[in-house]
C-alpha cells in the first residue's frame, strides 16, 4: 500500500477453447544457472479454478511445468489460478576445489481470467521470470 492506495494488477481476459487445452509455463534459468534436480524435481505446478467446476481435469499439484487441462464449456467463464516454481543453481568452485553452488527459487502466481470461445487457441502459455 502506498499512501493508503492499494496496488493492483489487472490481467485482461484470455480467450481459450472449451474442452482440452495445454497449459505450459515457460522457464529459462538465468545465464550461468541450470535447473537443480539434485534433490528431486526442480519444477512444480499447482492449478485450480474459480469456479472449481470450470476444471474437469488437470487440477492439483505436480512436478513439471506443463499440464493438460479440460475446461467445462457448461460452466462458462472463470479464472485459472496457476502457481509455478523452479529451482536453479550455479556452480562456483572455491579455492580448495569444493563446490559452493548459489541456488535460487523462482516462483510466480497467476490469476488468469478465461473466456471459453469455440475456435480459440487450445493452449495457454505463461512465462516464469528467471
N, C-alpha and C. Protein backbone atom coordinates (compact mmCIF):
# COMPACT_ATOMS: atom_id res chain seq x y z
N UNK A 1 0.84 -1.16 0.00
CA UNK A 1 0.00 0.00 0.00
C UNK A 1 0.89 1.23 0.00
N UNK A 2 0.63 2.15 -0.90
CA UNK A 2 1.39 3.39 -1.00
C UNK A 2 0.45 4.54 -0.72
N UNK A 3 0.73 5.31 0.32
CA UNK A 3 -0.11 6.46 0.70
C UNK A 3 -1.58 6.08 0.79
N UNK A 4 -1.87 4.89 1.36
CA UNK A 4 -3.25 4.47 1.55
C UNK A 4 -3.93 3.93 0.30
N UNK A 5 -3.18 3.74 -0.80
CA UNK A 5 -3.77 3.23 -2.03
C UNK A 5 -3.20 1.85 -2.31
N UNK A 6 -4.04 0.87 -2.50
CA UNK A 6 -3.59 -0.49 -2.77
C UNK A 6 -3.10 -0.60 -4.21
N UNK A 7 -2.02 -1.35 -4.40
CA UNK A 7 -1.50 -1.63 -5.74
C UNK A 7 -2.22 -2.87 -6.26
N UNK A 8 -2.70 -2.83 -7.50
CA UNK A 8 -3.42 -3.96 -8.05
C UNK A 8 -3.07 -4.11 -9.53
N UNK A 9 -2.86 -5.35 -9.94
CA UNK A 9 -2.59 -5.63 -11.34
C UNK A 9 -3.83 -6.26 -11.94
N UNK A 10 -4.26 -5.75 -13.08
CA UNK A 10 -5.44 -6.29 -13.75
C UNK A 10 -4.98 -7.00 -15.01
N UNK A 11 -5.33 -8.27 -15.13
CA UNK A 11 -4.96 -9.06 -16.29
C UNK A 11 -6.18 -9.13 -17.21
N UNK A 12 -5.97 -8.87 -18.51
CA UNK A 12 -7.10 -8.96 -19.45
C UNK A 12 -7.59 -10.39 -19.60
N UNK A 13 -8.82 -10.54 -20.04
CA UNK A 13 -9.41 -11.85 -20.25
C UNK A 13 -8.71 -12.53 -21.43
N UNK A 14 -8.39 -13.81 -21.24
CA UNK A 14 -7.75 -14.61 -22.28
C UNK A 14 -8.79 -15.58 -22.85
N UNK A 15 -8.96 -15.55 -24.16
CA UNK A 15 -9.89 -16.47 -24.81
C UNK A 15 -9.18 -17.79 -25.07
N UNK A 16 -9.80 -18.88 -24.62
CA UNK A 16 -9.28 -20.23 -24.85
C UNK A 16 -10.42 -21.12 -25.32
N UNK A 17 -10.06 -22.22 -25.96
CA UNK A 17 -11.06 -23.16 -26.45
C UNK A 17 -11.69 -23.91 -25.28
N UNK A 18 -12.97 -24.23 -25.38
CA UNK A 18 -13.58 -25.10 -24.37
C UNK A 18 -13.03 -26.51 -24.57
N UNK A 19 -13.06 -27.31 -23.51
CA UNK A 19 -12.54 -28.67 -23.60
C UNK A 19 -11.07 -28.71 -23.25
N UNK A 20 -10.31 -29.55 -23.95
CA UNK A 20 -8.91 -29.78 -23.62
C UNK A 20 -8.02 -28.64 -24.12
N UNK A 21 -7.16 -28.15 -23.22
CA UNK A 21 -6.14 -27.17 -23.59
C UNK A 21 -4.83 -27.58 -22.94
N UNK A 22 -3.73 -27.14 -23.54
CA UNK A 22 -2.42 -27.41 -22.99
C UNK A 22 -1.92 -26.17 -22.26
N UNK A 23 -1.60 -26.33 -20.98
CA UNK A 23 -1.01 -25.27 -20.18
C UNK A 23 0.49 -25.48 -20.15
N UNK A 24 1.24 -24.45 -20.46
CA UNK A 24 2.70 -24.53 -20.40
C UNK A 24 3.24 -23.27 -19.72
N UNK A 25 4.07 -23.49 -18.71
CA UNK A 25 4.79 -22.39 -18.08
C UNK A 25 6.21 -22.47 -18.62
N UNK A 26 6.64 -21.42 -19.27
CA UNK A 26 7.96 -21.37 -19.89
C UNK A 26 8.95 -20.78 -18.89
N UNK A 27 10.04 -21.51 -18.66
CA UNK A 27 11.08 -21.04 -17.74
C UNK A 27 12.44 -21.31 -18.36
N UNK A 28 13.26 -20.28 -18.40
CA UNK A 28 14.66 -20.41 -18.81
C UNK A 28 15.51 -19.94 -17.64
N UNK A 29 16.35 -20.81 -17.10
CA UNK A 29 17.19 -20.38 -15.97
C UNK A 29 18.05 -19.18 -16.36
N UNK A 30 18.33 -18.31 -15.41
CA UNK A 30 19.21 -17.18 -15.70
C UNK A 30 20.57 -17.66 -16.21
N UNK A 31 21.23 -16.79 -16.93
CA UNK A 31 22.54 -17.11 -17.51
C UNK A 31 23.49 -17.61 -16.42
N UNK A 32 24.17 -18.70 -16.71
CA UNK A 32 25.12 -19.28 -15.77
C UNK A 32 24.49 -20.21 -14.76
N UNK A 33 23.18 -20.47 -14.89
CA UNK A 33 22.50 -21.38 -13.97
C UNK A 33 21.83 -22.50 -14.75
N UNK A 34 21.46 -23.54 -14.03
CA UNK A 34 20.73 -24.65 -14.63
C UNK A 34 19.72 -25.15 -13.61
N UNK A 35 18.71 -25.87 -14.11
CA UNK A 35 17.73 -26.45 -13.19
C UNK A 35 18.45 -27.37 -12.22
N UNK A 36 18.06 -27.32 -10.97
CA UNK A 36 18.72 -28.11 -9.93
C UNK A 36 17.84 -29.29 -9.54
N UNK A 37 18.22 -30.47 -10.00
CA UNK A 37 17.44 -31.68 -9.71
C UNK A 37 18.20 -32.64 -8.79
N UNK A 38 19.15 -32.12 -8.03
CA UNK A 38 19.93 -32.99 -7.13
C UNK A 38 19.08 -33.62 -6.04
N UNK A 39 18.05 -32.94 -5.61
CA UNK A 39 17.23 -33.42 -4.50
C UNK A 39 15.80 -33.73 -4.92
N UNK A 40 15.59 -33.95 -6.21
CA UNK A 40 14.26 -34.24 -6.71
C UNK A 40 13.90 -33.28 -7.84
N UNK A 41 12.65 -33.33 -8.27
CA UNK A 41 12.23 -32.47 -9.39
C UNK A 41 12.47 -30.99 -9.09
N UNK A 42 12.95 -30.28 -10.10
CA UNK A 42 13.29 -28.87 -9.94
C UNK A 42 12.11 -27.95 -10.21
N UNK A 43 11.01 -28.50 -10.71
CA UNK A 43 9.86 -27.66 -11.06
C UNK A 43 8.59 -28.22 -10.43
N UNK A 44 7.64 -27.30 -10.20
CA UNK A 44 6.35 -27.68 -9.62
C UNK A 44 5.28 -26.77 -10.19
N UNK A 45 4.10 -27.32 -10.34
CA UNK A 45 2.97 -26.58 -10.89
C UNK A 45 1.73 -26.90 -10.06
N UNK A 46 0.99 -25.86 -9.69
CA UNK A 46 -0.26 -26.01 -8.96
C UNK A 46 -1.34 -25.27 -9.74
N UNK A 47 -2.46 -25.97 -10.00
CA UNK A 47 -3.53 -25.39 -10.81
C UNK A 47 -4.87 -25.58 -10.10
N UNK A 48 -5.67 -24.51 -10.07
CA UNK A 48 -7.04 -24.58 -9.58
C UNK A 48 -7.86 -23.57 -10.37
N UNK A 49 -9.15 -23.49 -10.08
CA UNK A 49 -10.01 -22.58 -10.84
C UNK A 49 -11.12 -22.02 -9.96
N UNK A 50 -11.62 -20.87 -10.38
CA UNK A 50 -12.82 -20.27 -9.80
C UNK A 50 -13.77 -20.01 -10.95
N UNK A 51 -14.93 -20.62 -10.96
CA UNK A 51 -15.44 -21.59 -10.01
C UNK A 51 -14.71 -22.93 -10.18
N UNK A 52 -14.64 -23.74 -9.12
CA UNK A 52 -13.92 -25.01 -9.18
C UNK A 52 -14.40 -25.94 -10.29
N UNK A 53 -15.69 -25.90 -10.63
CA UNK A 53 -16.24 -26.79 -11.66
C UNK A 53 -15.73 -26.47 -13.06
N UNK A 54 -15.08 -25.31 -13.24
CA UNK A 54 -14.51 -24.96 -14.54
C UNK A 54 -13.50 -26.01 -15.00
N UNK A 55 -12.72 -26.54 -14.06
CA UNK A 55 -11.70 -27.55 -14.38
C UNK A 55 -12.28 -28.95 -14.23
N UNK A 56 -12.47 -29.65 -15.35
CA UNK A 56 -12.91 -31.05 -15.29
C UNK A 56 -11.73 -31.97 -15.05
N UNK A 57 -10.54 -31.58 -15.59
CA UNK A 57 -9.30 -32.34 -15.39
C UNK A 57 -8.13 -31.37 -15.30
N UNK A 58 -7.10 -31.77 -14.55
CA UNK A 58 -5.86 -31.00 -14.50
C UNK A 58 -5.65 -30.21 -13.23
N UNK A 59 -6.61 -30.26 -12.32
CA UNK A 59 -6.46 -29.52 -11.07
C UNK A 59 -5.46 -30.23 -10.17
N UNK A 60 -4.76 -29.46 -9.34
CA UNK A 60 -3.89 -30.04 -8.33
C UNK A 60 -2.43 -29.66 -8.48
N UNK A 61 -1.61 -30.37 -7.73
CA UNK A 61 -0.18 -30.10 -7.62
C UNK A 61 0.59 -31.23 -8.28
N UNK A 62 1.68 -30.87 -8.98
CA UNK A 62 2.52 -31.90 -9.58
C UNK A 62 3.83 -31.33 -10.07
N UNK A 63 4.73 -32.24 -10.45
CA UNK A 63 6.03 -31.85 -10.97
C UNK A 63 5.89 -31.42 -12.42
N UNK A 64 6.87 -30.68 -12.90
CA UNK A 64 6.87 -30.23 -14.29
C UNK A 64 6.19 -28.88 -14.43
N UNK A 65 6.29 -28.34 -15.63
CA UNK A 65 5.71 -27.02 -15.90
C UNK A 65 4.69 -27.05 -17.03
N UNK A 66 4.16 -28.22 -17.32
CA UNK A 66 3.11 -28.29 -18.34
C UNK A 66 2.06 -29.31 -17.88
N UNK A 67 0.86 -29.08 -18.37
CA UNK A 67 -0.25 -29.95 -17.98
C UNK A 67 -1.39 -29.80 -18.97
N UNK A 68 -2.10 -30.88 -19.16
CA UNK A 68 -3.32 -30.85 -19.98
C UNK A 68 -4.48 -30.54 -19.05
N UNK A 69 -5.25 -29.51 -19.41
CA UNK A 69 -6.44 -29.13 -18.66
C UNK A 69 -7.65 -29.41 -19.51
N UNK A 70 -8.76 -29.73 -18.88
CA UNK A 70 -10.03 -29.85 -19.58
C UNK A 70 -10.99 -28.87 -18.91
N UNK A 71 -11.46 -27.89 -19.70
CA UNK A 71 -12.36 -26.85 -19.20
C UNK A 71 -13.79 -27.18 -19.59
N UNK A 72 -14.70 -27.06 -18.64
CA UNK A 72 -16.10 -27.41 -18.85
C UNK A 72 -16.85 -26.27 -19.53
N UNK A 73 -17.29 -26.47 -20.78
CA UNK A 73 -17.99 -25.40 -21.50
C UNK A 73 -19.33 -25.03 -20.87
N UNK A 74 -19.92 -25.93 -20.08
CA UNK A 74 -21.20 -25.65 -19.45
C UNK A 74 -21.06 -24.69 -18.27
N UNK A 75 -19.85 -24.61 -17.72
CA UNK A 75 -19.61 -23.70 -16.59
C UNK A 75 -19.42 -22.28 -17.11
N UNK A 76 -18.74 -22.15 -18.25
CA UNK A 76 -18.53 -20.81 -18.83
C UNK A 76 -17.24 -20.18 -18.37
N UNK A 77 -17.23 -18.87 -18.29
CA UNK A 77 -16.02 -18.13 -17.97
C UNK A 77 -15.62 -18.31 -16.51
N UNK A 78 -14.33 -18.05 -16.25
CA UNK A 78 -13.83 -18.16 -14.88
C UNK A 78 -12.40 -17.68 -14.80
N UNK A 79 -11.74 -18.08 -13.74
CA UNK A 79 -10.35 -17.70 -13.52
C UNK A 79 -9.54 -18.96 -13.24
N UNK A 80 -8.45 -19.13 -14.00
CA UNK A 80 -7.49 -20.20 -13.72
C UNK A 80 -6.44 -19.64 -12.77
N UNK A 81 -6.18 -20.37 -11.69
CA UNK A 81 -5.16 -19.98 -10.72
C UNK A 81 -3.98 -20.92 -10.94
N UNK A 82 -2.84 -20.35 -11.30
CA UNK A 82 -1.66 -21.14 -11.63
C UNK A 82 -0.50 -20.64 -10.78
N UNK A 83 0.18 -21.56 -10.12
CA UNK A 83 1.39 -21.24 -9.36
C UNK A 83 2.50 -22.15 -9.88
N UNK A 84 3.64 -21.55 -10.23
CA UNK A 84 4.77 -22.32 -10.75
C UNK A 84 6.02 -22.01 -9.94
N UNK A 85 6.87 -23.03 -9.79
CA UNK A 85 8.13 -22.87 -9.07
C UNK A 85 9.21 -23.62 -9.82
N UNK A 86 10.40 -23.03 -9.88
CA UNK A 86 11.57 -23.69 -10.48
C UNK A 86 12.79 -23.38 -9.62
N UNK A 87 13.61 -24.40 -9.38
CA UNK A 87 14.85 -24.22 -8.61
C UNK A 87 16.03 -24.29 -9.57
N UNK A 88 16.92 -23.32 -9.45
CA UNK A 88 18.12 -23.33 -10.29
C UNK A 88 19.35 -23.03 -9.43
N UNK A 89 20.48 -23.54 -9.89
CA UNK A 89 21.75 -23.33 -9.18
C UNK A 89 22.86 -23.05 -10.18
N UNK A 90 23.85 -22.30 -9.71
CA UNK A 90 25.09 -22.22 -10.46
C UNK A 90 26.13 -22.92 -9.62
N UNK A 91 27.21 -23.29 -10.23
CA UNK A 91 28.26 -23.99 -9.51
C UNK A 91 29.52 -23.15 -9.52
N UNK A 92 29.90 -22.69 -8.34
CA UNK A 92 31.14 -21.93 -8.20
C UNK A 92 32.13 -22.81 -7.46
N UNK A 93 33.34 -22.76 -7.83
CA UNK A 93 34.37 -23.56 -7.18
C UNK A 93 35.20 -22.66 -6.28
N UNK A 94 35.32 -23.08 -5.03
CA UNK A 94 36.10 -22.32 -4.07
C UNK A 94 37.59 -22.58 -4.21
N UNK A 95 38.42 -21.88 -3.44
CA UNK A 95 39.87 -22.01 -3.55
C UNK A 95 40.39 -23.41 -3.22
N UNK A 96 39.65 -24.16 -2.39
CA UNK A 96 40.11 -25.51 -2.05
C UNK A 96 39.53 -26.57 -2.98
N UNK A 97 38.83 -26.13 -4.05
CA UNK A 97 38.27 -27.07 -5.02
C UNK A 97 36.87 -27.55 -4.67
N UNK A 98 36.34 -27.17 -3.50
CA UNK A 98 34.98 -27.58 -3.12
C UNK A 98 33.96 -26.72 -3.85
N UNK A 99 32.83 -27.32 -4.14
CA UNK A 99 31.78 -26.58 -4.84
C UNK A 99 30.91 -25.82 -3.84
N UNK A 100 30.57 -24.58 -4.21
CA UNK A 100 29.68 -23.75 -3.42
C UNK A 100 28.60 -23.19 -4.34
N UNK A 101 27.60 -24.01 -4.67
CA UNK A 101 26.59 -23.51 -5.61
C UNK A 101 25.70 -22.47 -4.96
N UNK A 102 25.41 -21.43 -5.70
CA UNK A 102 24.41 -20.45 -5.28
C UNK A 102 23.10 -20.89 -5.91
N UNK A 103 22.11 -21.16 -5.08
CA UNK A 103 20.83 -21.69 -5.57
C UNK A 103 19.73 -20.66 -5.39
N UNK A 104 18.73 -20.75 -6.26
CA UNK A 104 17.65 -19.78 -6.28
C UNK A 104 16.32 -20.51 -6.52
N UNK A 105 15.27 -19.99 -5.93
CA UNK A 105 13.92 -20.49 -6.21
C UNK A 105 13.17 -19.37 -6.92
N UNK A 106 12.64 -19.69 -8.08
CA UNK A 106 11.87 -18.73 -8.87
C UNK A 106 10.41 -19.16 -8.75
N UNK A 107 9.54 -18.25 -8.36
CA UNK A 107 8.14 -18.60 -8.17
C UNK A 107 7.26 -17.47 -8.64
N UNK A 108 6.13 -17.84 -9.22
CA UNK A 108 5.17 -16.83 -9.66
C UNK A 108 3.76 -17.44 -9.60
N UNK A 109 2.81 -16.59 -9.26
CA UNK A 109 1.39 -16.98 -9.21
C UNK A 109 0.64 -16.12 -10.21
N UNK A 110 -0.30 -16.74 -10.92
CA UNK A 110 -1.14 -16.01 -11.88
C UNK A 110 -2.60 -16.29 -11.57
N UNK A 111 -3.43 -15.29 -11.76
CA UNK A 111 -4.87 -15.44 -11.81
C UNK A 111 -5.26 -15.05 -13.22
N UNK A 112 -5.61 -16.03 -14.05
CA UNK A 112 -5.85 -15.77 -15.47
C UNK A 112 -7.35 -15.85 -15.75
N UNK A 113 -8.00 -14.69 -15.96
CA UNK A 113 -9.41 -14.74 -16.35
C UNK A 113 -9.51 -15.35 -17.75
N UNK A 114 -10.38 -16.35 -17.89
CA UNK A 114 -10.55 -17.00 -19.18
C UNK A 114 -11.99 -16.93 -19.65
N UNK A 115 -12.12 -16.81 -20.97
CA UNK A 115 -13.42 -16.86 -21.63
C UNK A 115 -13.35 -18.02 -22.61
N UNK A 116 -14.30 -18.95 -22.50
CA UNK A 116 -14.32 -20.11 -23.38
C UNK A 116 -15.00 -19.74 -24.68
N UNK A 117 -14.25 -19.85 -25.79
CA UNK A 117 -14.73 -19.43 -27.10
C UNK A 117 -14.40 -20.52 -28.12
N UNK A 118 -15.42 -21.02 -28.81
CA UNK A 118 -15.18 -22.00 -29.87
C UNK A 118 -14.21 -21.41 -30.89
N UNK A 119 -13.22 -22.20 -31.28
CA UNK A 119 -12.24 -21.76 -32.28
C UNK A 119 -11.06 -21.01 -31.70
N UNK A 120 -11.07 -20.71 -30.40
CA UNK A 120 -9.92 -20.02 -29.77
C UNK A 120 -8.77 -21.02 -29.60
N UNK A 121 -7.62 -20.53 -29.21
CA UNK A 121 -6.43 -21.36 -29.03
C UNK A 121 -6.69 -22.43 -27.95
N UNK A 122 -6.14 -23.60 -28.19
CA UNK A 122 -6.25 -24.70 -27.24
C UNK A 122 -4.97 -24.81 -26.42
N UNK A 123 -4.34 -23.66 -26.20
CA UNK A 123 -3.14 -23.64 -25.36
C UNK A 123 -3.09 -22.33 -24.58
N UNK A 124 -2.45 -22.41 -23.43
CA UNK A 124 -2.23 -21.24 -22.59
C UNK A 124 -0.76 -21.28 -22.18
N UNK A 125 -0.02 -20.25 -22.52
CA UNK A 125 1.41 -20.19 -22.23
C UNK A 125 1.65 -19.00 -21.29
N UNK A 126 2.33 -19.30 -20.17
CA UNK A 126 2.70 -18.29 -19.20
C UNK A 126 4.23 -18.31 -19.04
N UNK A 127 4.80 -17.18 -18.66
CA UNK A 127 6.26 -17.07 -18.56
C UNK A 127 6.69 -16.82 -17.12
N UNK A 128 7.52 -17.72 -16.60
CA UNK A 128 8.08 -17.60 -15.27
C UNK A 128 9.42 -16.88 -15.39
N UNK A 129 9.52 -15.72 -14.78
CA UNK A 129 10.75 -14.91 -14.88
C UNK A 129 11.87 -15.59 -14.13
N UNK A 130 13.07 -15.58 -14.78
CA UNK A 130 14.26 -16.20 -14.19
C UNK A 130 15.05 -15.20 -13.52
